Amino acid sequence: MHEFYEKIHRALERGETVAHLKVIQVDGSGPQEVGASILLREDGSFEGTVGGGPVEAVALKDAAEMLRKRRSGVLSYDLASDLGMSCGGRMQIFCEVLEPGRRLLLFGAGHVSQATAALAARCGFEVVVVDEREEWANEQRFPEAARILNLPIDQACAKLPLRPRDYVVSVTRGHVFDQKVLEYYLDHPPAYLGVMGSSSKVAGMIRRCRAHGYRDEQLASVHMPIGLDLGAVTPEEIAVSIVAELIAHHRGRDRRTASSSMTSLNPIHARENTTVTADDDED
């Protein structure tokens, strides 16, 4: 059984979402005992058994649907009346959907970053802070961070191989640094990429990306200006808007919650064919 749980652990480390089916109750005669387990992957492959035959086939089918919906729950089967099995008993199988941890790569160590790291960690993100300035990025200012990298952006990116569920947020001290983060992750797309900035800053970043050969289709997936439009002003309020958008993206609700005023600042994100002129201000 230890080896079975090691397989689950390795699957989660690879960024896979899996389902663990475990027999939790058997009344009467059944094909397996309590504790029998299956590891089910999203591609339909599985390891283990909960009894084989009709009960296993229907349990895998039901679990695949729960895995698709990211829902856990108990599956109950009357082996005789439901499945026509001669055992005649009843089985309950707990299907637990397990998702890999969400990692937030947070570039910049200013006041907004500090507030964002604290809130994101409380909301279940594994936070990694990147800023070459050790006087800003340290354990005293970021006690919630799982890791702090005092490295230039290009070196830090090379040390952080992307996982399937990585979220990248750039709230650095200047547009030059944000541009580096943006262009690196346009070439290596994470699950989510967001950049903080005013309308003029976003316009300038879009213009520079186009000049460097990036396509509008690539820019359309970037959340900039980052954060839900809450009218936030203080670093703490801005952190709330950022983390709220991360959660909305994770829950599949980001398209419903993005405001028209936000998306109008980034015509690419709004999927409009607006041209950014050279007269726009930059930082």
Protein backbone atom coordinates (compact mmCIF):
# COMPACT_ATOMS: atom_id res chain seq x y z
CA MET A 1 0.00 0.00 0.00
CA HIS A 2 2.94 2.33 0.64
CA GLU A 3 3.94 1.95 -3.01
CA PHE A 4 0.39 2.81 -4.09
CA TYR A 5 0.44 6.12 -2.20
CA GLU A 6 3.90 6.85 -3.60
CA LYS A 7 2.36 6.61 -7.08
CA ILE A 8 -0.28 9.16 -6.09
CA HIS A 9 2.40 11.44 -4.70
CA ARG A 10 4.51 11.20 -7.85
CA ALA A 11 1.47 11.90 -10.06
CA LEU A 12 0.68 15.06 -8.08
CA GLU A 13 4.32 16.17 -8.27
CA ARG A 14 4.10 15.85 -12.06
CA GLY A 15 1.14 18.20 -11.99
CA GLU A 16 -1.51 15.55 -12.67
CA THR A 17 -5.02 15.62 -11.23
CA VAL A 18 -6.07 12.09 -10.22
CA ALA A 19 -8.86 10.23 -8.47
CA HIS A 20 -8.32 7.80 -5.62
CA LEU A 21 -11.10 5.22 -5.34
CA LYS A 22 -11.19 3.34 -2.05
CA VAL A 23 -13.67 0.75 -0.80
CA ILE A 24 -14.97 2.11 2.51
CA GLN A 25 -17.85 -0.28 3.28
CA VAL A 26 -19.02 -3.75 2.24
CA ASP A 27 -22.35 -5.13 3.44
CA GLY A 28 -22.86 -8.80 2.72
CA SER A 29 -20.81 -10.51 0.07
CA GLY A 30 -18.57 -8.42 -2.19
CA PRO A 31 -15.66 -8.88 -4.59
CA GLN A 32 -13.18 -6.88 -2.48
CA GLU A 33 -12.55 -5.90 1.12
CA VAL A 34 -12.54 -2.47 2.71
CA GLY A 35 -9.35 -0.64 1.78
CA ALA A 36 -9.07 -1.89 -1.80
CA SER A 37 -8.01 1.03 -3.99
CA ILE A 38 -7.62 2.35 -7.54
CA LEU A 39 -5.61 5.29 -8.83
CA LEU A 40 -7.44 6.76 -11.85
CA ARG A 41 -5.77 9.25 -14.20
CA GLU A 42 -7.38 11.77 -16.53
CA ASP A 43 -6.35 9.77 -19.60
CA GLY A 44 -8.43 6.81 -18.34
CA SER A 45 -5.49 4.67 -17.26
CA PHE A 46 -5.64 3.21 -13.77
CA GLU A 47 -3.78 1.06 -11.28
CA GLY A 48 -5.22 -1.16 -8.56
CA THR A 49 -8.62 -2.78 -8.22
CA VAL A 50 -11.86 -2.49 -6.28
CA GLY A 51 -13.05 -5.94 -7.32
CA GLY A 52 -13.02 -6.15 -11.09
CA GLY A 53 -16.08 -7.05 -13.16
CA PRO A 54 -19.20 -4.87 -13.38
CA VAL A 55 -18.68 -2.99 -10.12
CA GLU A 56 -15.22 -1.85 -11.10
CA ALA A 57 -16.34 -0.87 -14.60
CA VAL A 58 -19.20 1.30 -13.35
CA ALA A 59 -17.10 2.75 -10.52
CA LEU A 60 -14.40 3.80 -12.99
CA LYS A 61 -17.01 5.35 -15.27
CA ASP A 62 -18.61 7.31 -12.41
CA ALA A 63 -15.21 8.32 -11.02
CA ALA A 64 -14.08 9.59 -14.44
CA GLU A 65 -17.04 11.98 -14.46
CA MET A 66 -16.23 13.13 -10.91
CA LEU A 67 -12.61 13.64 -11.95
CA ARG A 68 -13.73 15.75 -14.90
CA LYS A 69 -15.90 17.90 -12.62
CA ARG A 70 -13.26 18.00 -9.85
CA ARG A 71 -15.73 16.64 -7.29
CA SER A 72 -15.21 14.05 -4.57
CA GLY A 73 -17.93 11.85 -3.09
CA VAL A 74 -19.21 8.41 -2.15
CA LEU A 75 -20.33 5.92 -4.81
CA SER A 76 -22.86 3.33 -3.59
CA TYR A 77 -23.81 0.16 -5.46
CA ASP A 78 -26.26 -2.65 -4.81
CA LEU A 79 -24.36 -5.46 -6.48
CA ALA A 80 -27.44 -7.56 -7.22
CA SER A 81 -30.17 -5.10 -8.20
CA ASP A 82 -27.89 -2.42 -9.73
CA LEU A 83 -25.31 -4.59 -11.43
CA GLY A 84 -26.78 -8.09 -11.60
CA MET A 85 -23.86 -9.58 -9.70
CA SER A 86 -24.32 -12.84 -7.85
CA CYS A 87 -22.47 -11.54 -4.78
CA GLY A 88 -25.67 -9.89 -3.62
CA GLY A 89 -24.05 -7.41 -1.23
CA ARG A 90 -23.63 -3.65 -1.21
CA MET A 91 -20.45 -1.63 -1.64
CA GLN A 92 -19.54 1.96 -0.92
CA ILE A 93 -16.50 3.45 -2.64
CA PHE A 94 -15.09 6.85 -1.77
CA CYS A 95 -13.83 8.74 -4.81
CA GLU A 96 -11.40 11.47 -3.76
CA VAL A 97 -10.24 13.84 -6.49
CA LEU A 98 -6.70 15.03 -5.75
CA GLU A 99 -5.24 18.11 -7.40
CA PRO A 100 -1.59 19.21 -7.34
CA GLY A 101 -0.74 22.29 -5.34
CA ARG A 102 -1.02 25.72 -6.94
CA ARG A 103 2.27 27.61 -7.07
CA LEU A 104 2.47 31.39 -7.35
CA LEU A 105 5.67 32.79 -8.87
CA LEU A 106 5.65 36.37 -7.62
CA PHE A 107 8.13 38.70 -9.32
CA GLY A 108 8.90 41.82 -7.33
CA ALA A 109 9.19 42.38 -3.58
CA GLY A 110 7.55 45.75 -3.05
CA HIS A 111 4.54 46.60 -0.91
CA VAL A 112 1.95 45.12 -3.28
CA SER A 113 3.97 41.93 -3.57
CA GLN A 114 4.28 41.66 0.21
CA ALA A 115 0.53 41.96 0.70
CA THR A 116 -0.19 39.61 -2.22
CA ALA A 117 2.16 36.92 -0.90
CA ALA A 118 0.54 36.94 2.52
CA LEU A 119 -3.01 36.67 1.17
CA ALA A 120 -2.18 34.14 -1.54
CA ALA A 121 -0.46 31.85 0.96
CA ARG A 122 -3.56 31.94 3.18
CA CYS A 123 -5.64 30.98 0.13
CA GLY A 124 -3.60 27.86 -0.53
CA PHE A 125 -0.90 29.00 -2.94
CA GLU A 126 2.72 27.92 -2.57
CA VAL A 127 4.40 31.31 -2.93
CA VAL A 128 7.82 31.86 -4.53
CA VAL A 129 9.16 35.43 -4.41
CA VAL A 130 11.72 36.62 -6.95
CA ASP A 131 13.67 39.85 -6.48
CA GLU A 132 17.44 40.32 -6.64
CA ARG A 133 17.32 42.86 -3.81
CA GLU A 134 17.91 40.91 -0.61
CA GLU A 135 16.99 43.92 1.52
CA TRP A 136 13.49 43.70 0.02
CA ALA A 137 13.06 39.97 -0.61
CA ASN A 138 13.84 38.20 2.65
CA GLU A 139 12.19 35.98 5.26
CA GLN A 140 11.39 38.91 7.53
CA ARG A 141 9.27 40.63 4.88
CA PHE A 142 7.92 37.42 3.34
CA PRO A 143 7.49 34.87 6.16
CA GLU A 144 4.73 33.08 4.19
CA ALA A 145 6.92 32.43 1.14
CA ALA A 146 7.93 28.84 0.53
CA ARG A 147 10.99 30.08 -1.38
CA ILE A 148 12.77 33.36 -2.02
CA LEU A 149 15.16 33.85 -4.94
CA ASN A 150 17.52 36.84 -4.82
CA LEU A 151 18.44 36.56 -8.48
CA PRO A 152 18.01 38.55 -11.68
CA ILE A 153 14.83 37.65 -13.56
CA ASP A 154 16.47 35.57 -16.29
CA GLN A 155 18.46 33.49 -13.79
CA ALA A 156 15.43 32.99 -11.57
CA CYS A 157 13.27 31.85 -14.49
CA ALA A 158 15.91 29.29 -15.42
CA LYS A 159 15.82 27.92 -11.87
CA LEU A 160 12.02 27.64 -11.84
CA PRO A 161 10.88 24.95 -14.30
CA LEU A 162 7.16 25.49 -14.88
CA ARG A 163 4.57 23.16 -13.41
CA PRO A 164 1.17 22.73 -15.11
CA ARG A 165 -0.65 24.71 -12.38
CA ASP A 166 1.83 27.59 -11.97
CA TYR A 167 0.52 31.14 -11.67
CA VAL A 168 2.89 33.98 -12.56
CA VAL A 169 2.36 37.52 -11.25
CA SER A 170 4.68 40.40 -12.10
CA VAL A 171 4.53 43.39 -9.76
CA THR A 172 8.12 44.57 -10.08
CA ARG A 173 9.56 48.03 -9.52
CA GLY A 174 9.53 49.06 -13.17
CA HIS A 175 8.25 48.32 -16.66
CA VAL A 176 11.70 47.10 -17.82
CA PHE A 177 11.55 44.24 -15.32
CA ASP A 178 7.88 43.50 -15.98
CA GLN A 179 8.65 43.36 -19.71
CA LYS A 180 11.31 40.71 -19.08
CA VAL A 181 8.86 38.60 -17.07
CA LEU A 182 6.12 39.06 -19.66
CA GLU A 183 8.23 38.05 -22.63
CA TYR A 184 9.81 35.06 -20.89
CA TYR A 185 6.42 33.63 -19.99
CA LEU A 186 4.90 34.42 -23.37
CA ASP A 187 7.54 31.96 -24.63
CA HIS A 188 6.86 29.55 -21.73
CA PRO A 189 3.11 29.94 -20.96
CA PRO A 190 2.03 29.16 -17.37
CA ALA A 191 -1.52 28.41 -16.25
CA TYR A 192 -1.97 32.12 -15.54
CA LEU A 193 0.12 35.21 -16.33
CA GLY A 194 -0.69 38.63 -14.92
CA VAL A 195 1.16 41.96 -14.97
CA MET A 196 0.38 45.05 -12.89
CA GLY A 197 0.28 48.41 -14.58
CA SER A 198 -1.59 51.50 -15.65
CA SER A 199 -3.29 51.82 -19.03
CA SER A 200 -0.28 53.65 -20.50
CA LYS A 201 2.10 51.02 -19.17
CA VAL A 202 0.01 48.20 -20.62
CA ALA A 203 -0.17 49.99 -23.97
CA GLY A 204 3.59 50.34 -24.02
CA MET A 205 4.15 46.69 -23.12
CA ILE A 206 1.78 45.56 -25.87
CA ARG A 207 3.58 47.77 -28.37
CA ARG A 208 6.99 46.43 -27.40
CA CYS A 209 5.79 42.82 -27.52
CA ARG A 210 4.41 43.34 -31.01
CA ALA A 211 7.70 44.90 -32.08
CA HIS A 212 9.52 41.81 -30.74
CA GLY A 213 7.36 39.52 -32.85
CA TYR A 214 4.75 38.33 -30.34
CA ARG A 215 1.30 37.70 -31.79
CA ASP A 216 -1.97 39.13 -30.55
CA GLU A 217 -3.17 35.58 -29.87
CA GLN A 218 -0.36 35.17 -27.35
CA LEU A 219 -1.07 38.51 -25.67
CA ALA A 220 -4.78 37.73 -25.42
CA SER A 221 -4.19 35.28 -22.58
CA VAL A 222 -2.29 37.78 -20.41
CA HIS A 223 -4.15 39.46 -17.54
CA MET A 224 -2.98 43.05 -17.68
CA PRO A 225 -3.81 45.23 -15.93
CA ILE A 226 -3.89 42.47 -13.34
CA GLY A 227 -6.66 42.13 -10.77
CA LEU A 228 -10.41 42.45 -10.61
CA ASP A 229 -11.69 46.00 -10.95
CA LEU A 230 -12.50 46.75 -7.29
CA GLY A 231 -11.36 50.36 -7.30
CA ALA A 232 -8.41 49.24 -5.16
CA VAL A 233 -5.95 51.88 -3.97
CA THR A 234 -3.80 50.59 -1.08
CA PRO A 235 -1.35 47.69 -1.45
CA GLU A 236 -3.65 45.52 0.63
CA GLU A 237 -6.68 46.34 -1.53
CA ILE A 238 -4.69 45.71 -4.70
CA ALA A 239 -3.59 42.35 -3.26
CA VAL A 240 -7.23 41.43 -2.72
CA SER A 241 -8.02 42.26 -6.36
CA ILE A 242 -5.07 40.18 -7.58
CA VAL A 243 -5.72 37.11 -5.44
CA ALA A 244 -9.45 37.30 -6.22
CA GLU A 245 -8.59 37.09 -9.92
CA LEU A 246 -6.26 34.13 -9.29
CA ILE A 247 -9.08 32.32 -7.50
CA ALA A 248 -11.57 33.19 -10.23
CA HIS A 249 -9.18 31.78 -12.83
CA HIS A 250 -8.66 28.61 -10.79
CA ARG A 251 -12.41 28.13 -10.41
CA GLY A 252 -13.09 28.77 -14.08
CA ARG A 253 -14.95 32.02 -13.48
CA ASP A 254 -12.46 34.64 -14.67
CA ARG A 255 -14.35 35.40 -17.89
CA ARG A 256 -17.51 36.12 -15.90
CA THR A 257 -15.88 38.43 -13.37
CA ALA A 258 -13.57 40.58 -15.50
CA SER A 259 -15.10 44.04 -15.77
CA SER A 260 -15.56 45.99 -18.98
CA SER A 261 -13.43 48.83 -17.65
CA MET A 262 -10.54 46.43 -17.00
CA THR A 263 -10.63 44.74 -20.36
CA SER A 264 -10.95 48.05 -22.18
CA LEU A 265 -7.49 48.96 -20.88
CA ASN A 266 -6.04 46.00 -22.76
CA PRO A 267 -7.64 45.78 -26.20
CA ILE A 268 -5.78 42.52 -26.85
CA HIS A 269 -7.27 40.91 -23.75
CA ALA A 270 -10.69 42.17 -24.81
CA ARG A 271 -10.04 40.55 -28.22
CA GLU A 272 -10.54 43.86 -30.00
CA ASN A 273 -8.45 44.84 -33.01
CA THR A 274 -7.45 48.24 -31.61
CA THR A 275 -4.12 49.75 -32.64
CA VAL A 276 -1.89 51.11 -29.87
CA THR A 277 -0.35 54.39 -31.00
CA ALA A 278 3.17 55.61 -30.40
CA ASP A 279 1.81 58.59 -28.48
CA ASP A 280 0.77 56.52 -25.45
CA ASP A 281 2.70 57.33 -22.28
CA GLU A 282 5.09 54.83 -20.73
CA ASP A 283 6.51 54.50 -17.26
